[in-house]
C-alpha atoms as a PDB file:
ATOM      1  CA  MET A   1      68.182   0.366 128.462  1.00  0.00           C
ATOM      2  CA  TYR A   2      68.656   2.607 125.495  1.00  0.00           C
ATOM      3  CA  VAL A   3      71.468   1.581 123.191  1.00  0.00           C
ATOM      4  CA  ALA A   4      72.349   3.559 120.115  1.00  0.00           C
ATOM      5  CA  VAL A   5      74.407   2.102 117.336  1.00  0.00           C
ATOM      6  CA  PHE A   6      75.544   4.478 114.651  1.00  0.00           C
ATOM      7  CA  LEU A   7      77.330   3.749 111.455  1.00  0.00           C
ATOM      8  CA  VAL A   8      79.442   6.709 110.565  1.00  0.00           C
ATOM      9  CA  CYS A   9      78.171   8.264 107.364  1.00  0.00           C
ATOM     10  CA  VAL A  10      81.180   9.108 105.324  1.00  0.00           C
ATOM     11  CA  GLY A  11      80.367  10.508 101.914  1.00  0.00           C
ATOM     12  CA  TYR A  12      82.639  10.266  98.984  1.00  0.00           C
ATOM     13  CA  LEU A  13      82.476  11.723  95.524  1.00  0.00           C
ATOM     14  CA  VAL A  14      83.372   9.789  92.436  1.00  0.00           C
ATOM     15  CA  LEU A  15      83.840  11.840  89.290  1.00  0.00           C
ATOM     16  CA  GLY A  16      84.359  10.654  85.780  1.00  0.00           C
ATOM     17  CA  CYS A  17      83.290  11.366  82.244  1.00  0.00           C
ATOM     18  CA  ASP A  18      79.747  10.277  83.125  1.00  0.00           C
ATOM     19  CA  GLY A  19      79.338  12.920  85.805  1.00  0.00           C
ATOM     20  CA  GLY A  20      79.410  12.449  89.534  1.00  0.00           C
ATOM     21  CA  THR A  21      77.907  10.205  92.182  1.00  0.00           C
ATOM     22  CA  LEU A  22      77.751  11.013  95.875  1.00  0.00           C
ATOM     23  CA  PHE A  23      77.292   8.045  98.244  1.00  0.00           C
ATOM     24  CA  ASN A  24      76.602   7.971 101.987  1.00  0.00           C
ATOM     25  CA  PRO A  25      76.274   4.594 103.751  1.00  0.00           C
ATOM     26  CA  ILE A  26      73.012   3.767 105.529  1.00  0.00           C
ATOM     27  CA  THR A  27      72.656   4.815 109.178  1.00  0.00           C
ATOM     28  CA  VAL A  28      71.557   2.207 111.723  1.00  0.00           C
ATOM     29  CA  GLU A  29      70.193   3.342 115.069  1.00  0.00           C
ATOM     30  CA  MET A  30      68.571   1.454 117.958  1.00  0.00           C
ATOM     31  CA  LEU A  31      65.372   3.313 118.899  1.00  0.00           C
ATOM     32  CA  ASN A  32      63.064   2.057 121.649  1.00  0.00           C
ATOM     33  CA  GLY A  33      64.527  -1.435 121.371  1.00  0.00           C
ATOM     34  CA  GLU A  34      64.149  -1.654 117.579  1.00  0.00           C
ATOM     35  CA  MET A  35      66.707  -1.187 114.815  1.00  0.00           C
ATOM     36  CA  SER A  36      66.014   1.821 112.610  1.00  0.00           C
ATOM     37  CA  PHE A  37      67.598   2.179 109.167  1.00  0.00           C
ATOM     38  CA  TYR A  38      67.721   5.442 107.232  1.00  0.00           C
ATOM     39  CA  CYS A  39      69.821   7.585 104.926  1.00  0.00           C
ATOM     40  CA  THR A  40      70.786  11.159 105.718  1.00  0.00           C
ATOM     41  CA  TYR A  41      70.892  14.139 103.375  1.00  0.00           C
ATOM     42  CA  LYS A  42      71.536  17.706 104.530  1.00  0.00           C
ATOM     43  CA  GLY A  43      70.241  16.882 108.024  1.00  0.00           C
ATOM     44  CA  LEU A  44      67.135  15.035 106.757  1.00  0.00           C
ATOM     45  CA  LYS A  45      66.354  11.364 107.347  1.00  0.00           C
ATOM     46  CA  VAL A  46      65.296   9.439 104.225  1.00  0.00           C
ATOM     47  CA  LEU A  47      63.801   5.953 104.439  1.00  0.00           C
ATOM     48  CA  PRO A  48      65.085   3.087 102.271  1.00  0.00           C
ATOM     49  CA  GLY A  49      63.038   2.781  99.074  1.00  0.00           C
ATOM     50  CA  LYS A  50      62.506   6.539  98.788  1.00  0.00           C
ATOM     51  CA  SER A  51      63.988   8.865  96.184  1.00  0.00           C
ATOM     52  CA  PHE A  52      63.995  12.612  95.630  1.00  0.00           C
ATOM     53  CA  THR A  53      65.460  15.391  93.491  1.00  0.00           C
ATOM     54  CA  ASP A  54      67.441  18.328  94.892  1.00  0.00           C
ATOM     55  CA  TYR A  55      67.051  21.014  92.232  1.00  0.00           C
ATOM     56  CA  HIS A  56      69.277  23.462  94.106  1.00  0.00           C
ATOM     57  CA  ALA A  57      72.243  21.043  93.948  1.00  0.00           C
ATOM     58  CA  CYS A  58      71.048  19.441  90.650  1.00  0.00           C
ATOM     59  CA  LEU A  59      71.097  15.926  92.132  1.00  0.00           C
ATOM     60  CA  LYS A  60      68.767  12.917  91.872  1.00  0.00           C
ATOM     61  CA  CYS A  61      69.011  10.759  94.991  1.00  0.00           C
ATOM     62  CA  ALA A  62      67.753   7.350  96.080  1.00  0.00           C
ATOM     63  CA  CYS A  63      68.021   5.588  99.441  1.00  0.00           C
ATOM     64  CA  ASP A  64      68.281   1.791  99.544  1.00  0.00           C
ATOM     65  CA  GLY A  65      69.539  -0.820 102.018  1.00  0.00           C
ATOM     66  CA  ASN A  66      73.151   0.169 101.329  1.00  0.00           C
ATOM     67  CA  GLY A  67      72.771   3.930 101.676  1.00  0.00           C
ATOM     68  CA  LEU A  68      72.055   7.095  99.738  1.00  0.00           C
ATOM     69  CA  ALA A  69      73.298   7.494  96.162  1.00  0.00           C
ATOM     70  CA  CYS A  70      72.961  10.864  94.446  1.00  0.00           C
ATOM     71  CA  ASN A  71      73.752  11.445  90.775  1.00  0.00           C
ATOM     72  CA  THR A  72      74.376  14.727  89.031  1.00  0.00           C
ATOM     73  CA  MET A  73      71.787  16.108  86.632  1.00  0.00           C
ATOM     74  CA  GLY A  74      72.874  17.950  83.535  1.00  0.00           C
ATOM     75  CA  PHE A  75      76.501  18.725  82.865  1.00  0.00           C
ATOM     76  CA  ARG A  76      79.080  21.402  83.552  1.00  0.00           C
ATOM     77  CA  VAL A  77      80.609  23.215  80.583  1.00  0.00           C
ATOM     78  CA  ALA A  78      84.152  24.596  80.466  1.00  0.00           C
ATOM     79  CA  VAL A  79      83.903  27.883  78.542  1.00  0.00           C
ATOM     80  CA  PRO A  80      86.965  29.377  76.805  1.00  0.00           C
ATOM     81  CA  GLU A  81      88.249  32.601  78.390  1.00  0.00           C
ATOM     82  CA  ASP A  82      87.919  34.583  75.156  1.00  0.00           C
ATOM     83  CA  SER A  83      84.244  33.662  74.681  1.00  0.00           C
ATOM     84  CA  GLU A  84      81.617  36.423  74.834  1.00  0.00           C
ATOM     85  CA  CYS A  85      79.181  33.889  76.275  1.00  0.00           C
ATOM     86  CA  ASP A  86      78.983  31.852  79.458  1.00  0.00           C
ATOM     87  CA  ASN A  87      77.148  28.626  80.229  1.00  0.00           C
ATOM     88  CA  VAL A  88      74.993  28.646  83.369  1.00  0.00           C
ATOM     89  CA  LEU A  89      72.680  26.142  85.036  1.00  0.00           C
ATOM     90  CA  ILE A  90      69.075  27.308  85.357  1.00  0.00           C
ATOM     91  CA  GLY A  91      66.742  24.700  86.784  1.00  0.00           C
ATOM     92  CA  CYS A  92      69.533  22.124  86.262  1.00  0.00           C
ATOM     93  CA  LYS A  93      69.545  22.849  82.520  1.00  0.00           C
ATOM     94  CA  ASN A  94      72.398  24.464  80.666  1.00  0.00           C
ATOM     95  CA  ARG A  95      71.708  27.891  79.186  1.00  0.00           C
ATOM     96  CA  TRP A  96      74.005  30.178  77.191  1.00  0.00           C
ATOM     97  CA  VAL A  97      74.047  33.815  78.313  1.00  0.00           C
ATOM     98  CA  LEU A  98      76.171  36.841  77.513  1.00  0.00           C
ATOM     99  CA  LYS A  99      79.092  37.367  79.897  1.00  0.00           C
ATOM    100  CA  SER A 100      78.505  41.121  79.713  1.00  0.00           C
ATOM    101  CA  ASP A 101      74.827  40.735  80.747  1.00  0.00           C
ATOM    102  CA  ASN A 102      73.841  37.327  82.093  1.00  0.00           C
ATOM    103  CA  THR A 103      70.140  38.224  81.865  1.00  0.00           C
ATOM    104  CA  LYS A 104      70.361  38.043  78.049  1.00  0.00           C
ATOM    105  CA  LYS A 105      70.586  34.931  75.906  1.00  0.00           C
ATOM    106  CA  CYS A 106      73.742  34.435  73.924  1.00  0.00           C
ATOM    107  CA  PRO A 107      73.203  34.595  70.137  1.00  0.00           C
ATOM    108  CA  LYS A 108      73.865  31.193  68.513  1.00  0.00           C
ATOM    109  CA  LYS A 109      76.651  32.616  66.356  1.00  0.00           C
ATOM    110  CA  LYS A 110      78.575  33.642  69.518  1.00  0.00           C
ATOM    111  CA  ILE A 111      78.323  30.271  71.321  1.00  0.00           C
ATOM    112  CA  PRO A 112      81.787  28.635  71.342  1.00  0.00           C
ATOM    113  CA  GLN A 113      82.133  25.686  68.982  1.00  0.00           C
ATOM    114  CA  ASN A 114      84.933  23.885  70.838  1.00  0.00           C
ATOM    115  CA  ILE A 115      83.970  23.251  74.446  1.00  0.00           C
ATOM    116  CA  SER A 116      84.343  20.442  76.957  1.00  0.00           C
ATOM    117  CA  ALA A 117      81.721  19.218  79.380  1.00  0.00           C
ATOM    118  CA  VAL A 118      81.455  16.803  82.297  1.00  0.00           C
ATOM    119  CA  GLY A 119      78.186  15.314  83.531  1.00  0.00           C
ATOM    120  CA  LYS A 120      75.243  13.179  82.582  1.00  0.00           C
END
């Protein structure tokens, strides 16, 4: 008899001055009479003890016996409205570019001096 036991994976996001952490509890499933434990991430199954980096979402993730924990990489910058420059993430690293042409670097003298940021 095939019995499947699922723990509902409910993710939650905790944000603070250190950045953000996403956590999904471990999934337990009975397969062929044996208990199987794994974490899920964007439809993928990740085994406990494994870790990976999602550069598209700028997250570092690790699966353990409790579940999957993902931490933000880099930080998000709040740019003043009147600034000529904008801060963008490229490869999970912050880069200053011109608002008028985001293909060009922002000159250092135009980078805002008073900004706020959240992240690690």
